[in-house]
Amino acid sequence: MKKVEAIIRPFKLEDVKIALVNLGVVGMTVSEVRGFGRQKGQVERYRGSEFTVEFLQKLKIEVVISDESVEGVIQAISEAAKTGEIGDGKIFVTPIESVIRIRTGESGDSAI
């Protein structure tokens, strides 16, 4: 099993969700996060004054999937979240040792 975490632009959430549901992903966790990468924030104007927003608002999507689904999920997220502009986000893949469904006690792939 693998955990795929994607940091994306907030307005791309619906596109990514649809792409993942079409692949058969049955659950995901979405968190509002703030951060910066190479763009190091951005300059905004408000009522004639300039100020720098150092931490940009993003969303973090987390899904736990079987090993054979990883490439499809990465491709789906990449295509759905891409705008071609700096700040589109990142995808991280990490191994998961075990998963247990609390309600039934199921473990492994059947608990996903």
C-alpha atoms as a PDB file:
ATOM      1  CA  MET A   1       0.000   0.000   0.000  1.00  0.00           C
ATOM      2  CA  LYS A   2       1.032   3.567  -0.651  1.00  0.00           C
ATOM      3  CA  LYS A   3      -0.048   6.965   0.612  1.00  0.00           C
ATOM      4  CA  VAL A   4      -0.215   9.630  -2.079  1.00  0.00           C
ATOM      5  CA  GLU A   5      -0.185  13.223  -0.841  1.00  0.00           C
ATOM      6  CA  ALA A   6      -0.771  16.032  -3.306  1.00  0.00           C
ATOM      7  CA  ILE A   7      -0.436  19.744  -2.627  1.00  0.00           C
ATOM      8  CA  ILE A   8      -2.645  21.549  -5.148  1.00  0.00           C
ATOM      9  CA  ARG A   9      -4.270  24.892  -5.885  1.00  0.00           C
ATOM     10  CA  PRO A  10      -7.651  25.185  -4.119  1.00  0.00           C
ATOM     11  CA  PHE A  11      -9.673  25.786  -7.296  1.00  0.00           C
ATOM     12  CA  LYS A  12      -8.402  22.483  -8.761  1.00  0.00           C
ATOM     13  CA  LEU A  13      -9.963  20.323  -6.012  1.00  0.00           C
ATOM     14  CA  GLU A  14     -13.123  19.413  -7.922  1.00  0.00           C
ATOM     15  CA  ASP A  15     -11.138  18.406 -11.038  1.00  0.00           C
ATOM     16  CA  VAL A  16      -8.812  16.202  -8.974  1.00  0.00           C
ATOM     17  CA  LYS A  17     -11.715  14.652  -7.052  1.00  0.00           C
ATOM     18  CA  ILE A  18     -13.521  13.736 -10.274  1.00  0.00           C
ATOM     19  CA  ALA A  19     -10.338  12.243 -11.762  1.00  0.00           C
ATOM     20  CA  LEU A  20      -9.734  10.100  -8.665  1.00  0.00           C
ATOM     21  CA  VAL A  21     -13.358   8.933  -8.396  1.00  0.00           C
ATOM     22  CA  ASN A  22     -13.224   7.927 -12.080  1.00  0.00           C
ATOM     23  CA  LEU A  23     -10.219   5.718 -11.200  1.00  0.00           C
ATOM     24  CA  GLY A  24     -12.155   4.029  -8.409  1.00  0.00           C
ATOM     25  CA  VAL A  25     -10.545   5.803  -5.444  1.00  0.00           C
ATOM     26  CA  VAL A  26     -13.201   5.529  -2.730  1.00  0.00           C
ATOM     27  CA  GLY A  27     -11.879   7.874  -0.061  1.00  0.00           C
ATOM     28  CA  MET A  28      -9.665  10.887   0.395  1.00  0.00           C
ATOM     29  CA  THR A  29      -8.754  13.403   3.041  1.00  0.00           C
ATOM     30  CA  VAL A  30      -8.515  17.091   2.163  1.00  0.00           C
ATOM     31  CA  SER A  31      -6.806  19.656   4.406  1.00  0.00           C
ATOM     32  CA  GLU A  32      -6.338  23.382   4.000  1.00  0.00           C
ATOM     33  CA  VAL A  33      -2.632  24.161   4.243  1.00  0.00           C
ATOM     34  CA  ARG A  34      -0.344  27.140   3.700  1.00  0.00           C
ATOM     35  CA  GLY A  35       3.186  27.173   2.389  1.00  0.00           C
ATOM     36  CA  PHE A  36       5.605  28.321  -0.249  1.00  0.00           C
ATOM     37  CA  GLY A  37       8.002  26.766  -2.686  1.00  0.00           C
ATOM     38  CA  ARG A  38      10.166  28.309  -5.358  1.00  0.00           C
ATOM     39  CA  GLN A  39       7.728  31.157  -5.901  1.00  0.00           C
ATOM     40  CA  LYS A  40       8.395  32.341  -2.307  1.00  0.00           C
ATOM     41  CA  GLY A  41       5.008  33.987  -1.917  1.00  0.00           C
ATOM     42  CA  GLN A  42       3.531  36.715  -4.048  1.00  0.00           C
ATOM     43  CA  VAL A  43       3.028  40.471  -3.987  1.00  0.00           C
ATOM     44  CA  GLU A  44      -0.586  41.611  -3.623  1.00  0.00           C
ATOM     45  CA  ARG A  45      -2.151  45.067  -3.672  1.00  0.00           C
ATOM     46  CA  TYR A  46      -4.902  46.179  -1.339  1.00  0.00           C
ATOM     47  CA  ARG A  47      -6.261  49.741  -1.354  1.00  0.00           C
ATOM     48  CA  GLY A  48      -3.148  51.051  -3.055  1.00  0.00           C
ATOM     49  CA  SER A  49      -0.668  49.368  -0.712  1.00  0.00           C
ATOM     50  CA  GLU A  50       1.585  46.500  -1.694  1.00  0.00           C
ATOM     51  CA  PHE A  51       2.217  43.641   0.678  1.00  0.00           C
ATOM     52  CA  THR A  52       3.827  40.234   0.350  1.00  0.00           C
ATOM     53  CA  VAL A  53       1.866  37.070   1.058  1.00  0.00           C
ATOM     54  CA  GLU A  54       4.622  34.675   2.115  1.00  0.00           C
ATOM     55  CA  PHE A  55       2.520  31.579   2.751  1.00  0.00           C
ATOM     56  CA  LEU A  56       0.114  30.782  -0.061  1.00  0.00           C
ATOM     57  CA  GLN A  57      -3.120  28.904   0.512  1.00  0.00           C
ATOM     58  CA  LYS A  58      -3.101  25.365  -0.905  1.00  0.00           C
ATOM     59  CA  LEU A  59      -4.980  22.111  -0.351  1.00  0.00           C
ATOM     60  CA  LYS A  60      -3.423  18.804   0.651  1.00  0.00           C
ATOM     61  CA  ILE A  61      -5.162  15.689  -0.631  1.00  0.00           C
ATOM     62  CA  GLU A  62      -4.261  12.339   0.928  1.00  0.00           C
ATOM     63  CA  VAL A  63      -5.274   8.931  -0.428  1.00  0.00           C
ATOM     64  CA  VAL A  64      -4.147   5.452   0.560  1.00  0.00           C
ATOM     65  CA  ILE A  65      -4.201   3.029  -2.352  1.00  0.00           C
ATOM     66  CA  SER A  66      -2.922  -0.371  -3.420  1.00  0.00           C
ATOM     67  CA  ASP A  67       0.541  -0.555  -4.987  1.00  0.00           C
ATOM     68  CA  GLU A  68      -0.829  -1.311  -8.447  1.00  0.00           C
ATOM     69  CA  SER A  69      -2.934   1.892  -8.485  1.00  0.00           C
ATOM     70  CA  VAL A  70      -0.068   4.310  -7.802  1.00  0.00           C
ATOM     71  CA  GLU A  71       0.921   5.257 -11.357  1.00  0.00           C
ATOM     72  CA  GLY A  72      -2.681   5.834 -12.440  1.00  0.00           C
ATOM     73  CA  VAL A  73      -3.402   8.006  -9.408  1.00  0.00           C
ATOM     74  CA  ILE A  74      -0.241  10.070  -9.933  1.00  0.00           C
ATOM     75  CA  GLN A  75      -1.102  10.611 -13.586  1.00  0.00           C
ATOM     76  CA  ALA A  76      -4.715  11.534 -12.800  1.00  0.00           C
ATOM     77  CA  ILE A  77      -3.714  14.074 -10.140  1.00  0.00           C
ATOM     78  CA  SER A  78      -0.978  15.545 -12.354  1.00  0.00           C
ATOM     79  CA  GLU A  79      -3.309  16.050 -15.299  1.00  0.00           C
ATOM     80  CA  ALA A  80      -6.244  17.368 -13.250  1.00  0.00           C
ATOM     81  CA  ALA A  81      -4.197  19.794 -11.110  1.00  0.00           C
ATOM     82  CA  LYS A  82      -1.930  21.188 -13.831  1.00  0.00           C
ATOM     83  CA  THR A  83      -2.278  24.797 -14.979  1.00  0.00           C
ATOM     84  CA  GLY A  84       1.230  25.103 -16.390  1.00  0.00           C
ATOM     85  CA  GLU A  85       2.079  27.960 -14.045  1.00  0.00           C
ATOM     86  CA  ILE A  86       4.558  28.025 -11.188  1.00  0.00           C
ATOM     87  CA  GLY A  87       2.855  26.952  -7.948  1.00  0.00           C
ATOM     88  CA  ASP A  88       0.848  24.022  -9.335  1.00  0.00           C
ATOM     89  CA  GLY A  89       2.020  21.868  -6.412  1.00  0.00           C
ATOM     90  CA  LYS A  90       3.730  18.596  -5.624  1.00  0.00           C
ATOM     91  CA  ILE A  91       2.900  14.897  -5.250  1.00  0.00           C
ATOM     92  CA  PHE A  92       4.542  12.733  -2.590  1.00  0.00           C
ATOM     93  CA  VAL A  93       4.333   8.935  -2.405  1.00  0.00           C
ATOM     94  CA  THR A  94       5.184   7.052   0.794  1.00  0.00           C
ATOM     95  CA  PRO A  95       4.839   3.399   1.811  1.00  0.00           C
ATOM     96  CA  ILE A  96       2.162   2.393   4.316  1.00  0.00           C
ATOM     97  CA  GLU A  97       2.881  -0.548   6.622  1.00  0.00           C
ATOM     98  CA  SER A  98      -0.681  -1.318   7.627  1.00  0.00           C
ATOM     99  CA  VAL A  99      -4.235  -0.031   7.598  1.00  0.00           C
ATOM    100  CA  ILE A 100      -6.940  -1.031  10.059  1.00  0.00           C
ATOM    101  CA  ARG A 101     -10.614  -0.111   9.683  1.00  0.00           C
ATOM    102  CA  ILE A 102     -11.716   0.769  13.212  1.00  0.00           C
ATOM    103  CA  ARG A 103     -15.392  -0.174  12.772  1.00  0.00           C
ATOM    104  CA  THR A 104     -14.859  -3.747  11.538  1.00  0.00           C
ATOM    105  CA  GLY A 105     -11.274  -4.548  12.482  1.00  0.00           C
ATOM    106  CA  GLU A 106     -10.406  -5.331   8.833  1.00  0.00           C
ATOM    107  CA  SER A 107      -6.781  -4.796   7.915  1.00  0.00           C
ATOM    108  CA  GLY A 108      -4.660  -4.534   4.788  1.00  0.00           C
ATOM    109  CA  ASP A 109      -6.113  -3.850   1.330  1.00  0.00           C
ATOM    110  CA  SER A 110      -9.650  -4.741   2.448  1.00  0.00           C
ATOM    111  CA  ALA A 111      -9.543  -1.859   4.951  1.00  0.00           C
ATOM    112  CA  ILE A 112      -8.784   0.788   2.325  1.00  0.00           C
END
